[in-house]
Amino acid sequence: MSSKSNLKNDIIAGVVVSLVAIPLCLGIALSSGMPPFAGMISGILGGIVIGCISRSQLSVSGPAAGLITIVATGITDIGINGVLLAVFLAGLFQIGLSLLKAGGIAYYFPSSVIEGMLAAIGITIILKNIPTLLGFPEALSDEETGFQFYQRILSDVSEHVNEIALGTGIVALVCMVLWDKYKPKILKTIPGALIAVIVGLVSYFIFQKTNTSFEGSELVQLPVVESFNSFTQLFLFPNFGLIANPKIWVLALTIGMVASIETLLTIEATDKIDPLRRVTPTNRELFAQGIGNSLSGLIGGLPITSVIVRSKAGLDAGGRTKTTTIVHGIILLLGVLFIAKFLNMIPLASLAAILVVTGYKLCNPALFKHVFSLSKHQWIPFVITVLAILLTDLLKGVGIGMLVAVYFILRGNMKSCYTMYITHVDNQKYIHLILSEEISFLKKSTIIKTLSRIKNNSNIIIDAEKTVYIDFDVLELIREFKAETAPRKNINLKLINFKDVYEIPNNGDGVNLSVANTRSVKLENKNIDNLDTIK
C-alpha cells in the first residue's frame, strides 16, 4: 500500500482513473448488451477486490473492450444469466490456471495472432457503436446479418438518424481526438473520455431547454438507488440450471483464456513502464483475476481483466501503488450509490464516441503498417486472424489464426537447420554445411532433401560445432548417408565436430580449416540443384 509520502498522489491518481473508468464501464456494458449497472459492478470489483488481492502496484482492472464481442455473442446464444454463469466458471478456470502455475501461458501465443485478435476486436467495436453514434434506436436482430443491419440503416438515413445524437456524438468524437493531441501539459491528467462525457452533458442541458431533447433510450439508464432494498434488487444472478449446456463451458473457457491472456499482456506492459521496475507475480495475478471474475459472475457483472488504458492513466497521474486502483473502485461504488441521476444525463452517443476511439486505438493504421513491414510469416497469420474473427467469431478466428501461425513456425523451424557455404580447402571445393544449434525431428525432411541433392563426385563437410542436440532419427539419417549413399555416389564426406554422444565419430584424417588454406563463400540460396558439380 501507499507510504505516507505518496498517499496523496495515489488518491489523486485514483480520482483520475475513476473519471476514465466510469464512461468506459458504462459504454462497454452498453456495447456488450448488458445493463449499465453490470459495467459498474465490474469496475468496483476490479478496483477494490482485485486491487486488494493482486500484487501488482500499477495495474487497474475492470471491464475490457476486448471481451465485448464474446459477451454480446454469448447473450444471443444463452442469455444474460447464462453469460453470468460462464463468467463465474471463467473465474474458477483462472484460479485453476494460477494453481497450476500457468502464469506464462500468454507467451505461447504468437504476437501476430494476438495483434490480429486486438485489431479485429477494435474493428468490431467501431462497427458495433456506429449505430449508437448515429442515434439509431434499433439493435441488430437475430434474423439479420451485420451487412443487412447497416443496409437497413442506410436505406433511409433521414428516417433513422437522430440529428441531436449524431451531432453530440460527432462533436464528442472530434473533441476527444483534439484533446488527446493538443491538451495543455498542465491538464495532461484529464482524459479524453471525460471530455466526451462533458460534451454529452452540455448537449443534454442545451437541448433540455428546447422542445427537441434526447429520448430516454438515448441516455444512460443506470438504476437510481433510493434504499438498501432497491440496491439489492439491482443485482442479477447466474442460472446454474444451464451448467450442463456445452455452450456454457465453451463460453467460459473462451472468456477465461482471453481474459487471462489480456491480463498477462497488460501486466507485462505495465511492469515495463513502471519507473520503480517492480515485477508482478503472474500466477498471483491470475488468482486475483479469478476471484474477481467469479464474484462478478455471481452478482451480475461483466468479465474483468487488467486494462492498460486505466493502468497508464493512473501512472501518468502520479499513482505508484495499488492504493490508486482501490480508490478508483471506491469512487465507482460511491458513484452508483449517490450520483446515478447525474450519470443518467449522459447521452449514449458520447459513450459510443469513446468506444469508437477505443476501437480505433486497437486497430489504427500504424499497427497494420508495422505488421506489413514484417515478413510474411508475421503478416499472413495477422491478416487471417483478423478476417477469421470478423467472418466467424473470436474463438474460431483465434483458433484459425493459431493454426496458420503454427504452420509458419514449423515451416521456419524446418528451414533453419543449417548454414551452407562453399569452402575451399587446399585448393579443393567443399560444400560446407554448418548445422544449427538444435536439429529436431521437424528438420529431418529438410536434411533428407539437402543430402539427396548432393551430386556424384562431390566434396562435402557436415559440421556440428554449434550443435548441442541432434534427434536420433536425424543421426540415423546421417549415419546411413555416410555408410551407404556417399560411397555409392563417390561423395567425399567429412564429419567434423560431432560429439561422442552422437555416436558418429569424426573422420580419422580430419579436415584442416585453418585460415591459411581455407576460403569460404556463404550461399544465400540453399537449393543445391543450382550448384555446379563439385569434383
Protein backbone atom coordinates (compact mmCIF):
# COMPACT_ATOMS: atom_id res chain seq x y z
CA MET A 1 0.00 0.00 0.00
CA SER A 2 0.98 3.65 -0.18
CA SER A 3 3.61 5.15 2.02
CA LYS A 4 2.70 8.45 3.64
CA SER A 5 4.88 10.31 1.17
CA ASN A 6 2.94 9.01 -1.85
CA LEU A 7 -0.55 8.60 -0.35
CA LYS A 8 -1.76 11.98 -1.64
CA ASN A 9 -0.58 11.29 -5.19
CA ASP A 10 -2.14 7.81 -5.15
CA ILE A 11 -5.51 9.20 -4.05
CA ILE A 12 -5.45 11.91 -6.73
CA ALA A 13 -4.49 9.30 -9.32
CA GLY A 14 -7.40 7.12 -8.15
CA VAL A 15 -9.80 10.01 -8.78
CA VAL A 16 -8.37 10.48 -12.28
CA VAL A 17 -8.64 6.76 -13.07
CA SER A 18 -12.28 6.74 -11.91
CA LEU A 19 -13.04 9.57 -14.35
CA VAL A 20 -11.63 7.40 -17.13
CA ALA A 21 -13.34 4.25 -15.85
CA ILE A 22 -16.93 5.48 -15.39
CA PRO A 23 -17.65 6.20 -19.07
CA LEU A 24 -15.78 3.06 -20.13
CA CYS A 25 -17.69 0.85 -17.67
CA LEU A 26 -20.99 2.24 -18.90
CA GLY A 27 -20.02 2.16 -22.57
CA ILE A 28 -18.63 -1.38 -22.52
CA ALA A 29 -21.76 -2.65 -20.75
CA LEU A 30 -23.92 -0.89 -23.32
CA SER A 31 -21.95 -2.30 -26.23
CA SER A 32 -21.98 -5.80 -24.72
CA GLY A 33 -25.76 -5.84 -24.37
CA MET A 34 -25.62 -5.86 -20.57
CA PRO A 35 -27.28 -3.36 -18.18
CA PRO A 36 -25.10 -0.31 -17.37
CA PHE A 37 -25.00 -1.43 -13.73
CA ALA A 38 -23.12 -4.57 -14.83
CA GLY A 39 -20.23 -2.44 -16.05
CA MET A 40 -20.09 -0.55 -12.76
CA ILE A 41 -20.08 -3.83 -10.79
CA SER A 42 -17.04 -4.99 -12.76
CA GLY A 43 -15.25 -1.69 -12.22
CA ILE A 44 -15.93 -1.78 -8.48
CA LEU A 45 -14.78 -5.40 -8.08
CA GLY A 46 -11.76 -4.79 -10.31
CA GLY A 47 -10.75 -1.83 -8.19
CA ILE A 48 -11.46 -3.00 -4.65
CA VAL A 49 -11.35 -6.82 -4.66
CA ILE A 50 -8.68 -7.47 -7.29
CA GLY A 51 -6.78 -4.39 -6.11
CA CYS A 52 -6.52 -5.85 -2.61
CA ILE A 53 -5.54 -9.38 -3.71
CA SER A 54 -3.20 -8.59 -6.60
CA ARG A 55 0.46 -7.84 -6.00
CA SER A 56 0.66 -5.54 -9.00
CA GLN A 57 1.21 -1.99 -7.81
CA LEU A 58 0.14 -0.21 -11.01
CA SER A 59 -2.40 -2.48 -12.70
CA VAL A 60 -6.04 -1.34 -12.76
CA SER A 61 -8.71 -3.93 -13.55
CA GLY A 62 -12.25 -3.60 -14.85
CA PRO A 63 -14.48 -4.47 -17.81
CA ALA A 64 -12.45 -4.70 -21.02
CA ALA A 65 -13.39 -3.68 -24.54
CA GLY A 66 -11.65 -6.80 -25.82
CA LEU A 67 -14.41 -9.03 -24.41
CA ILE A 68 -17.37 -7.07 -25.82
CA THR A 69 -17.82 -9.34 -28.82
CA ILE A 70 -17.62 -12.52 -26.74
CA VAL A 71 -20.20 -11.32 -24.21
CA ALA A 72 -22.58 -9.98 -26.87
CA THR A 73 -22.46 -13.26 -28.79
CA GLY A 74 -22.98 -15.20 -25.55
CA ILE A 75 -26.08 -13.19 -24.65
CA THR A 76 -27.56 -14.00 -28.07
CA ASP A 77 -26.85 -17.73 -27.61
CA ILE A 78 -27.58 -18.39 -23.93
CA GLY A 79 -28.99 -15.18 -22.41
CA ILE A 80 -27.65 -12.85 -19.73
CA ASN A 81 -28.00 -15.35 -16.88
CA GLY A 82 -26.13 -17.95 -18.90
CA VAL A 83 -23.32 -15.48 -19.58
CA LEU A 84 -23.09 -14.73 -15.86
CA LEU A 85 -22.66 -18.45 -15.18
CA ALA A 86 -19.91 -18.57 -17.82
CA VAL A 87 -18.16 -15.58 -16.21
CA PHE A 88 -18.30 -17.34 -12.83
CA LEU A 89 -16.82 -20.53 -14.32
CA ALA A 90 -14.20 -18.48 -16.19
CA GLY A 91 -13.08 -17.12 -12.83
CA LEU A 92 -12.70 -20.65 -11.47
CA PHE A 93 -10.75 -21.55 -14.59
CA GLN A 94 -8.35 -18.66 -13.92
CA ILE A 95 -7.92 -19.76 -10.31
CA GLY A 96 -7.09 -23.25 -11.63
CA LEU A 97 -4.51 -21.78 -14.01
CA SER A 98 -2.89 -19.92 -11.11
CA LEU A 99 -2.68 -23.11 -9.02
CA LEU A 100 -1.11 -24.90 -11.98
CA LYS A 101 1.50 -22.11 -12.23
CA ALA A 102 0.36 -21.25 -15.75
CA GLY A 103 1.19 -17.55 -15.48
CA GLY A 104 3.42 -17.79 -18.56
CA ILE A 105 0.61 -19.05 -20.82
CA ALA A 106 0.44 -15.79 -22.81
CA TYR A 107 3.98 -16.35 -24.07
CA TYR A 108 2.80 -19.36 -26.09
CA PHE A 109 0.54 -17.25 -28.31
CA PRO A 110 2.33 -15.77 -31.34
CA SER A 111 2.35 -11.97 -31.32
CA SER A 112 0.88 -11.92 -34.84
CA VAL A 113 -2.25 -13.74 -33.61
CA ILE A 114 -2.60 -11.55 -30.51
CA GLU A 115 -2.22 -8.37 -32.57
CA GLY A 116 -4.72 -9.72 -35.11
CA MET A 117 -7.18 -10.53 -32.34
CA LEU A 118 -6.92 -7.00 -30.89
CA ALA A 119 -7.26 -5.40 -34.33
CA ALA A 120 -10.36 -7.46 -35.12
CA ILE A 121 -11.86 -6.56 -31.75
CA GLY A 122 -11.19 -2.89 -32.49
CA ILE A 123 -12.93 -3.12 -35.87
CA THR A 124 -15.88 -4.92 -34.28
CA ILE A 125 -16.20 -2.28 -31.54
CA ILE A 126 -16.26 0.51 -34.14
CA LEU A 127 -18.89 -1.22 -36.28
CA LYS A 128 -21.00 -2.04 -33.24
CA ASN A 129 -21.05 1.54 -31.96
CA ILE A 130 -21.63 3.43 -35.20
CA PRO A 131 -25.44 2.97 -34.98
CA THR A 132 -25.43 4.39 -31.43
CA LEU A 133 -23.26 7.27 -32.61
CA LEU A 134 -25.93 7.96 -35.22
CA GLY A 135 -28.68 7.78 -32.61
CA PHE A 136 -30.18 4.75 -34.30
CA PRO A 137 -32.50 3.18 -31.70
CA GLU A 138 -32.92 -0.34 -33.09
CA ALA A 139 -30.41 -3.06 -32.38
CA LEU A 140 -29.27 -5.84 -34.68
CA SER A 141 -31.98 -8.50 -34.75
CA ASP A 142 -31.34 -12.24 -34.66
CA GLU A 143 -32.74 -12.66 -38.17
CA GLU A 144 -30.35 -10.33 -39.99
CA THR A 145 -26.62 -10.18 -40.62
CA GLY A 146 -24.45 -7.19 -39.83
CA PHE A 147 -24.48 -6.26 -43.53
CA GLN A 148 -28.28 -6.31 -43.63
CA PHE A 149 -28.37 -4.19 -40.47
CA TYR A 150 -26.26 -1.45 -42.00
CA GLN A 151 -28.16 -1.72 -45.27
CA ARG A 152 -31.37 -1.13 -43.32
CA ILE A 153 -29.88 1.94 -41.64
CA LEU A 154 -28.54 3.41 -44.87
CA SER A 155 -31.73 2.71 -46.82
CA ASP A 156 -33.30 5.86 -45.41
CA VAL A 157 -30.82 7.91 -43.39
CA SER A 158 -33.23 10.77 -42.83
CA GLU A 159 -35.73 8.41 -41.23
CA HIS A 160 -33.35 6.55 -38.91
CA VAL A 161 -30.68 9.05 -37.90
CA ASN A 162 -31.29 11.24 -34.84
CA GLU A 163 -29.69 14.61 -35.63
CA ILE A 164 -29.24 15.54 -31.94
CA ALA A 165 -27.49 12.27 -31.07
CA LEU A 166 -25.43 12.40 -34.26
CA GLY A 167 -24.30 15.97 -33.56
CA THR A 168 -23.46 15.14 -29.95
CA GLY A 169 -21.52 12.03 -30.90
CA ILE A 170 -19.54 13.71 -33.68
CA VAL A 171 -18.65 16.72 -31.51
CA ALA A 172 -17.62 14.40 -28.66
CA LEU A 173 -15.52 12.35 -31.07
CA VAL A 174 -13.75 15.41 -32.52
CA CYS A 175 -13.17 16.92 -29.08
CA MET A 176 -11.65 13.67 -27.80
CA VAL A 177 -9.25 13.46 -30.73
CA LEU A 178 -8.23 17.12 -30.46
CA TRP A 179 -7.87 16.93 -26.69
CA ASP A 180 -5.64 13.86 -26.80
CA LYS A 181 -3.47 15.57 -29.41
CA TYR A 182 -3.31 19.18 -28.20
CA LYS A 183 -4.21 19.22 -24.48
CA PRO A 184 -2.08 21.55 -22.34
CA LYS A 185 0.63 19.91 -20.26
CA ILE A 186 -0.89 21.31 -17.09
CA LEU A 187 -4.08 19.34 -17.86
CA LYS A 188 -2.40 16.17 -19.11
CA THR A 189 -4.02 14.02 -16.41
CA ILE A 190 -7.55 14.82 -17.67
CA PRO A 191 -8.51 12.00 -20.05
CA GLY A 192 -10.22 12.46 -23.40
CA ALA A 193 -13.07 10.20 -22.25
CA LEU A 194 -14.00 12.79 -19.62
CA ILE A 195 -14.10 15.49 -22.32
CA ALA A 196 -16.55 13.35 -24.31
CA VAL A 197 -18.77 13.00 -21.22
CA ILE A 198 -18.67 16.76 -20.62
CA VAL A 199 -19.67 17.37 -24.25
CA GLY A 200 -22.59 14.95 -23.81
CA LEU A 201 -23.76 16.64 -20.60
CA VAL A 202 -23.54 20.11 -22.15
CA SER A 203 -25.56 18.84 -25.11
CA TYR A 204 -28.12 17.34 -22.73
CA PHE A 205 -28.63 20.60 -20.83
CA ILE A 206 -28.79 22.68 -24.01
CA PHE A 207 -31.43 20.54 -25.67
CA GLN A 208 -33.30 20.07 -22.38
CA LYS A 209 -34.37 23.68 -22.72
CA THR A 210 -35.77 23.14 -26.21
CA ASN A 211 -38.64 21.09 -27.49
CA THR A 212 -36.22 18.63 -29.11
CA SER A 213 -34.41 16.73 -26.40
CA PHE A 214 -32.92 13.26 -26.05
CA GLU A 215 -35.31 10.35 -25.65
CA GLY A 216 -34.91 8.09 -22.65
CA SER A 217 -33.49 5.27 -24.81
CA GLU A 218 -30.73 7.61 -26.00
CA LEU A 219 -29.40 8.24 -22.47
CA VAL A 220 -27.62 6.10 -19.88
CA GLN A 221 -30.18 4.22 -17.83
CA LEU A 222 -28.38 3.41 -14.59
CA PRO A 223 -30.82 2.42 -11.82
CA VAL A 224 -31.15 5.04 -9.09
CA VAL A 225 -30.52 3.72 -5.59
CA GLU A 226 -33.16 5.05 -3.20
CA SER A 227 -32.89 2.47 -0.41
CA PHE A 228 -30.93 -0.61 0.59
CA ASN A 229 -33.67 -2.86 -0.78
CA SER A 230 -33.64 -1.08 -4.13
CA PHE A 231 -29.86 -1.52 -4.23
CA THR A 232 -30.01 -5.27 -3.62
CA GLN A 233 -32.61 -5.66 -6.35
CA LEU A 234 -30.18 -4.34 -8.95
CA PHE A 235 -28.08 -7.50 -8.94
CA LEU A 236 -28.54 -10.31 -11.46
CA PHE A 237 -27.57 -13.89 -10.75
CA PRO A 238 -26.30 -16.82 -12.86
CA ASN A 239 -28.58 -19.63 -13.92
CA PHE A 240 -26.88 -22.74 -12.54
CA GLY A 241 -29.54 -24.85 -14.23
CA LEU A 242 -27.65 -24.31 -17.51
CA ILE A 243 -24.40 -25.81 -16.23
CA ALA A 244 -24.82 -28.94 -18.37
CA ASN A 245 -25.15 -26.85 -21.54
CA PRO A 246 -21.95 -27.28 -23.65
CA LYS A 247 -22.23 -23.66 -24.82
CA ILE A 248 -21.74 -22.50 -21.23
CA TRP A 249 -18.42 -24.33 -20.96
CA VAL A 250 -17.19 -23.18 -24.37
CA LEU A 251 -18.02 -19.57 -23.46
CA ALA A 252 -16.44 -19.94 -20.01
CA LEU A 253 -13.20 -21.30 -21.43
CA THR A 254 -13.16 -18.58 -24.09
CA ILE A 255 -13.68 -15.80 -21.55
CA GLY A 256 -11.17 -17.35 -19.14
CA MET A 257 -8.48 -17.77 -21.79
CA VAL A 258 -8.92 -14.37 -23.46
CA ALA A 259 -9.20 -12.55 -20.12
CA SER A 260 -6.08 -14.30 -18.84
CA ILE A 261 -4.05 -13.50 -21.94
CA GLU A 262 -5.17 -9.87 -21.97
CA THR A 263 -4.38 -9.55 -18.26
CA LEU A 264 -0.93 -11.12 -18.56
CA LEU A 265 -0.04 -8.97 -21.57
CA THR A 266 -1.23 -5.85 -19.73
CA ILE A 267 0.77 -6.82 -16.65
CA GLU A 268 3.88 -7.27 -18.79
CA ALA A 269 3.35 -3.88 -20.46
CA THR A 270 2.63 -2.17 -17.12
CA ASP A 271 5.76 -3.59 -15.49
CA LYS A 272 7.81 -2.25 -18.40
CA ILE A 273 6.63 1.33 -17.82
CA ASP A 274 6.91 1.15 -14.03
CA PRO A 275 9.56 3.72 -13.04
CA LEU A 276 10.40 1.58 -9.99
CA ARG A 277 10.89 -1.54 -12.17
CA ARG A 278 8.76 -3.80 -9.99
CA VAL A 279 7.78 -7.24 -11.31
CA THR A 280 4.26 -8.60 -10.85
CA PRO A 281 3.88 -12.30 -9.88
CA THR A 282 1.79 -13.58 -12.81
CA ASN A 283 0.31 -16.59 -11.02
CA ARG A 284 -0.85 -14.39 -8.15
CA GLU A 285 -2.41 -12.04 -10.72
CA LEU A 286 -4.34 -14.88 -12.33
CA PHE A 287 -5.60 -15.88 -8.87
CA ALA A 288 -6.75 -12.31 -8.13
CA GLN A 289 -8.47 -12.03 -11.53
CA GLY A 290 -10.14 -15.40 -10.98
CA ILE A 291 -11.58 -14.27 -7.64
CA GLY A 292 -12.79 -11.04 -9.22
CA ASN A 293 -14.45 -12.75 -12.19
CA SER A 294 -16.11 -15.41 -10.02
CA LEU A 295 -17.66 -12.69 -7.84
CA SER A 296 -18.60 -10.64 -10.90
CA GLY A 297 -20.44 -13.58 -12.44
CA LEU A 298 -22.24 -14.30 -9.16
CA ILE A 299 -23.71 -10.78 -8.79
CA GLY A 300 -24.33 -9.69 -12.37
CA GLY A 301 -21.09 -8.12 -13.61
CA LEU A 302 -19.08 -8.23 -16.82
CA PRO A 303 -15.85 -10.20 -17.28
CA ILE A 304 -12.85 -8.39 -15.77
CA THR A 305 -9.28 -8.04 -16.96
CA SER A 306 -6.32 -5.83 -16.23
CA VAL A 307 -6.58 -2.91 -18.68
CA ILE A 308 -3.68 -0.84 -19.96
CA VAL A 309 -5.62 2.41 -20.58
CA ARG A 310 -6.67 2.79 -16.93
CA SER A 311 -3.35 1.46 -15.63
CA LYS A 312 -1.37 4.02 -17.63
CA ALA A 313 -3.80 6.80 -16.66
CA GLY A 314 -3.07 6.06 -13.00
CA LEU A 315 0.68 6.06 -13.58
CA ASP A 316 0.58 9.32 -15.56
CA ALA A 317 -1.46 10.92 -12.76
CA GLY A 318 1.27 10.12 -10.22
CA GLY A 319 0.00 6.81 -8.81
CA ARG A 320 2.71 4.45 -7.62
CA THR A 321 0.91 1.79 -5.55
CA LYS A 322 -2.27 -0.28 -5.55
CA THR A 323 -3.96 2.43 -3.46
CA THR A 324 -4.74 4.08 -6.82
CA THR A 325 -6.86 1.20 -8.12
CA ILE A 326 -8.58 0.67 -4.74
CA VAL A 327 -9.51 4.38 -4.51
CA HIS A 328 -10.86 4.26 -8.07
CA GLY A 329 -13.07 1.28 -7.12
CA ILE A 330 -14.40 3.08 -4.04
CA ILE A 331 -15.28 6.16 -6.13
CA LEU A 332 -17.17 3.95 -8.62
CA LEU A 333 -19.16 2.48 -5.72
CA LEU A 334 -19.99 5.95 -4.39
CA GLY A 335 -21.00 6.98 -7.90
CA VAL A 336 -23.50 4.12 -8.15
CA LEU A 337 -24.93 4.93 -4.72
CA PHE A 338 -25.16 8.71 -4.91
CA ILE A 339 -24.81 10.18 -8.42
CA ALA A 340 -26.75 7.78 -10.63
CA LYS A 341 -29.18 10.59 -11.57
CA PHE A 342 -26.26 12.66 -12.81
CA LEU A 343 -24.81 9.75 -14.79
CA ASN A 344 -28.22 9.19 -16.42
CA MET A 345 -27.87 12.57 -18.13
CA ILE A 346 -25.02 11.24 -20.28
CA PRO A 347 -26.10 10.61 -23.91
CA LEU A 348 -25.26 7.17 -25.26
CA ALA A 349 -23.82 8.85 -28.36
CA SER A 350 -20.98 10.36 -26.31
CA LEU A 351 -20.21 6.94 -24.83
CA ALA A 352 -20.26 5.48 -28.35
CA ALA A 353 -17.71 8.14 -29.35
CA ILE A 354 -15.45 6.97 -26.51
CA LEU A 355 -15.70 3.35 -27.66
CA VAL A 356 -15.10 4.27 -31.31
CA VAL A 357 -11.86 5.96 -30.26
CA THR A 358 -11.00 2.94 -28.10
CA GLY A 359 -11.64 0.63 -31.05
CA TYR A 360 -9.55 2.82 -33.33
CA LYS A 361 -6.60 2.61 -30.94
CA LEU A 362 -6.81 -1.19 -31.17
CA CYS A 363 -6.84 -1.26 -34.99
CA ASN A 364 -5.17 2.00 -36.04
CA PRO A 365 -3.42 2.13 -39.44
CA ALA A 366 0.00 2.34 -37.77
CA LEU A 367 -0.49 -1.22 -36.49
CA PHE A 368 -1.26 -2.51 -39.99
CA LYS A 369 1.68 -0.57 -41.43
CA HIS A 370 4.00 -2.08 -38.82
CA VAL A 371 2.75 -5.63 -39.39
CA PHE A 372 3.03 -5.38 -43.18
CA SER A 373 6.61 -4.17 -42.82
CA LEU A 374 7.47 -7.55 -41.29
CA SER A 375 7.94 -10.86 -43.07
CA LYS A 376 5.03 -12.84 -44.49
CA HIS A 377 5.42 -15.21 -41.54
CA GLN A 378 4.06 -12.36 -39.40
CA TRP A 379 1.54 -10.54 -41.55
CA ILE A 380 -0.20 -13.55 -43.10
CA PRO A 381 -1.29 -15.00 -39.69
CA PHE A 382 -2.23 -11.45 -38.62
CA VAL A 383 -4.48 -10.86 -41.64
CA ILE A 384 -6.05 -14.32 -41.49
CA THR A 385 -6.76 -13.90 -37.76
CA VAL A 386 -8.48 -10.54 -38.39
CA LEU A 387 -10.59 -11.85 -41.28
CA ALA A 388 -11.45 -15.11 -39.50
CA ILE A 389 -12.69 -13.30 -36.39
CA LEU A 390 -14.76 -10.83 -38.43
CA LEU A 391 -16.29 -13.62 -40.53
CA THR A 392 -16.86 -16.14 -37.71
CA ASP A 393 -16.33 -15.35 -34.03
CA LEU A 394 -13.45 -14.65 -31.68
CA LEU A 395 -12.75 -18.23 -30.58
CA LYS A 396 -12.87 -19.73 -34.09
CA GLY A 397 -10.92 -16.82 -35.51
CA VAL A 398 -8.11 -17.11 -32.96
CA GLY A 399 -8.04 -20.87 -33.50
CA ILE A 400 -7.68 -20.43 -37.27
CA GLY A 401 -5.01 -17.78 -36.74
CA MET A 402 -3.11 -20.08 -34.38
CA LEU A 403 -3.13 -22.91 -36.94
CA VAL A 404 -1.72 -20.60 -39.62
CA ALA A 405 0.89 -19.18 -37.24
CA VAL A 406 1.96 -22.66 -36.10
CA TYR A 407 2.29 -23.71 -39.76
CA PHE A 408 4.69 -20.83 -40.44
CA ILE A 409 6.58 -21.52 -37.21
CA LEU A 410 7.07 -25.18 -38.18
CA ARG A 411 7.99 -24.21 -41.71
CA GLY A 412 10.56 -21.73 -40.48
CA ASN A 413 11.89 -24.26 -37.98
CA MET A 414 12.35 -26.83 -40.73
CA LYS A 415 14.26 -24.40 -42.93
CA SER A 416 16.64 -23.06 -40.30
CA CYS A 417 18.59 -26.26 -39.76
CA TYR A 418 21.93 -25.31 -41.29
CA THR A 419 24.05 -22.61 -42.90
CA MET A 420 25.73 -23.54 -46.18
CA TYR A 421 28.99 -22.29 -47.61
CA ILE A 422 31.26 -23.15 -50.48
CA THR A 423 34.58 -23.72 -48.73
CA HIS A 424 37.97 -24.02 -50.45
CA VAL A 425 40.32 -26.37 -48.60
CA ASP A 426 43.79 -26.96 -50.06
CA ASN A 427 42.53 -25.80 -53.46
CA GLN A 428 39.57 -28.18 -53.37
CA LYS A 429 35.92 -27.08 -53.26
CA TYR A 430 33.70 -28.38 -50.49
CA ILE A 431 30.04 -27.91 -49.68
CA HIS A 432 30.28 -26.93 -46.02
CA LEU A 433 27.06 -27.50 -44.02
CA ILE A 434 27.20 -25.98 -40.54
CA LEU A 435 24.32 -27.47 -38.57
CA SER A 436 22.23 -25.22 -36.34
CA GLU A 437 22.17 -25.41 -32.55
CA GLU A 438 19.23 -27.80 -32.39
CA ILE A 439 18.29 -30.40 -35.00
CA SER A 440 14.88 -31.81 -34.07
CA PHE A 441 12.82 -34.37 -35.95
CA LEU A 442 10.97 -31.46 -37.59
CA LYS A 443 14.12 -30.74 -39.59
CA LYS A 444 14.53 -34.31 -40.82
CA SER A 445 12.75 -33.70 -44.14
CA THR A 446 14.97 -30.71 -44.90
CA ILE A 447 18.14 -32.72 -44.15
CA ILE A 448 16.87 -35.57 -46.37
CA LYS A 449 16.12 -33.19 -49.22
CA THR A 450 19.50 -31.48 -48.92
CA LEU A 451 21.56 -34.66 -48.85
CA SER A 452 19.60 -36.18 -51.75
CA ARG A 453 20.60 -33.21 -53.90
CA ILE A 454 24.32 -33.66 -53.36
CA LYS A 455 25.68 -34.66 -56.79
CA ASN A 456 28.01 -37.50 -57.61
CA ASN A 457 31.73 -36.96 -57.06
CA SER A 458 31.16 -34.00 -54.70
CA ASN A 459 33.08 -33.00 -51.61
CA ILE A 460 31.01 -32.21 -48.53
CA ILE A 461 31.68 -31.30 -44.91
CA ILE A 462 28.95 -31.65 -42.27
CA ASP A 463 29.99 -29.58 -39.27
CA ALA A 464 28.31 -29.98 -35.82
CA GLU A 465 30.46 -27.42 -33.99
CA LYS A 466 27.44 -25.26 -32.99
CA THR A 467 25.08 -28.16 -32.40
CA VAL A 468 24.04 -29.19 -28.89
CA TYR A 469 21.21 -31.59 -29.82
CA ILE A 470 20.54 -33.86 -32.77
CA ASP A 471 17.45 -36.02 -32.90
CA PHE A 472 18.09 -39.78 -33.08
CA ASP A 473 16.26 -40.08 -36.44
CA VAL A 474 18.50 -37.40 -37.96
CA LEU A 475 21.59 -39.17 -36.61
CA GLU A 476 20.42 -42.39 -38.26
CA LEU A 477 19.91 -40.49 -41.50
CA ILE A 478 23.45 -39.04 -41.44
CA ARG A 479 24.90 -42.43 -40.48
CA GLU A 480 23.12 -44.09 -43.41
CA PHE A 481 24.29 -41.37 -45.80
CA LYS A 482 27.90 -41.82 -44.64
CA ALA A 483 27.85 -45.62 -44.79
CA GLU A 484 25.81 -46.22 -47.96
CA THR A 485 24.87 -43.22 -50.09
CA ALA A 486 28.19 -41.37 -50.07
CA PRO A 487 30.30 -44.36 -51.17
CA ARG A 488 27.76 -45.28 -53.87
CA LYS A 489 27.79 -41.73 -55.33
CA ASN A 490 31.53 -41.34 -54.84
CA ILE A 491 30.93 -38.41 -52.47
CA ASN A 492 33.86 -37.40 -50.30
CA LEU A 493 32.09 -36.85 -46.94
CA LYS A 494 33.80 -35.49 -43.85
CA LEU A 495 32.02 -35.21 -40.49
CA ILE A 496 33.64 -32.81 -38.04
CA ASN A 497 32.94 -31.60 -34.50
CA PHE A 498 30.36 -34.31 -33.78
CA LYS A 499 30.28 -35.15 -30.08
CA ASP A 500 30.90 -38.69 -28.93
CA VAL A 501 27.33 -38.96 -27.67
CA TYR A 502 26.17 -38.69 -31.27
CA GLU A 503 27.92 -41.99 -31.95
CA ILE A 504 29.20 -40.66 -35.28
CA PRO A 505 32.98 -40.36 -34.96
CA ASN A 506 34.93 -37.65 -36.79
CA ASN A 507 36.94 -38.83 -39.81
CA GLY A 508 40.41 -40.01 -38.78
CA ASP A 509 42.12 -37.86 -41.41
CA GLY A 510 40.07 -34.78 -40.40
CA VAL A 511 39.91 -31.57 -42.38
CA ASN A 512 42.29 -28.67 -41.87
CA LEU A 513 40.22 -25.50 -41.92
CA SER A 514 42.91 -23.08 -40.82
CA VAL A 515 42.78 -19.56 -42.16
CA ALA A 516 45.96 -20.13 -44.15
CA ASN A 517 44.44 -22.59 -46.58
CA THR A 518 40.67 -22.01 -46.50
CA ARG A 519 38.35 -19.63 -48.27
CA SER A 520 34.55 -19.69 -47.72
CA VAL A 521 31.65 -18.05 -49.53
CA LYS A 522 28.24 -18.10 -47.85
CA LEU A 523 25.38 -19.27 -50.04
CA GLU A 524 22.13 -17.40 -49.52
CA ASN A 525 20.30 -19.75 -51.91
CA LYS A 526 20.27 -23.18 -50.30
CA ASN A 527 18.97 -25.00 -53.37
CA ILE A 528 21.79 -27.41 -54.16
CA ASP A 529 20.27 -28.14 -57.58
CA ASN A 530 21.68 -24.80 -58.70
CA LEU A 531 25.27 -25.66 -57.70
CA ASP A 532 27.85 -26.89 -60.19
CA THR A 533 29.01 -30.44 -59.66
CA ILE A 534 31.94 -30.43 -57.24
CA LYS A 535 34.68 -32.89 -58.07
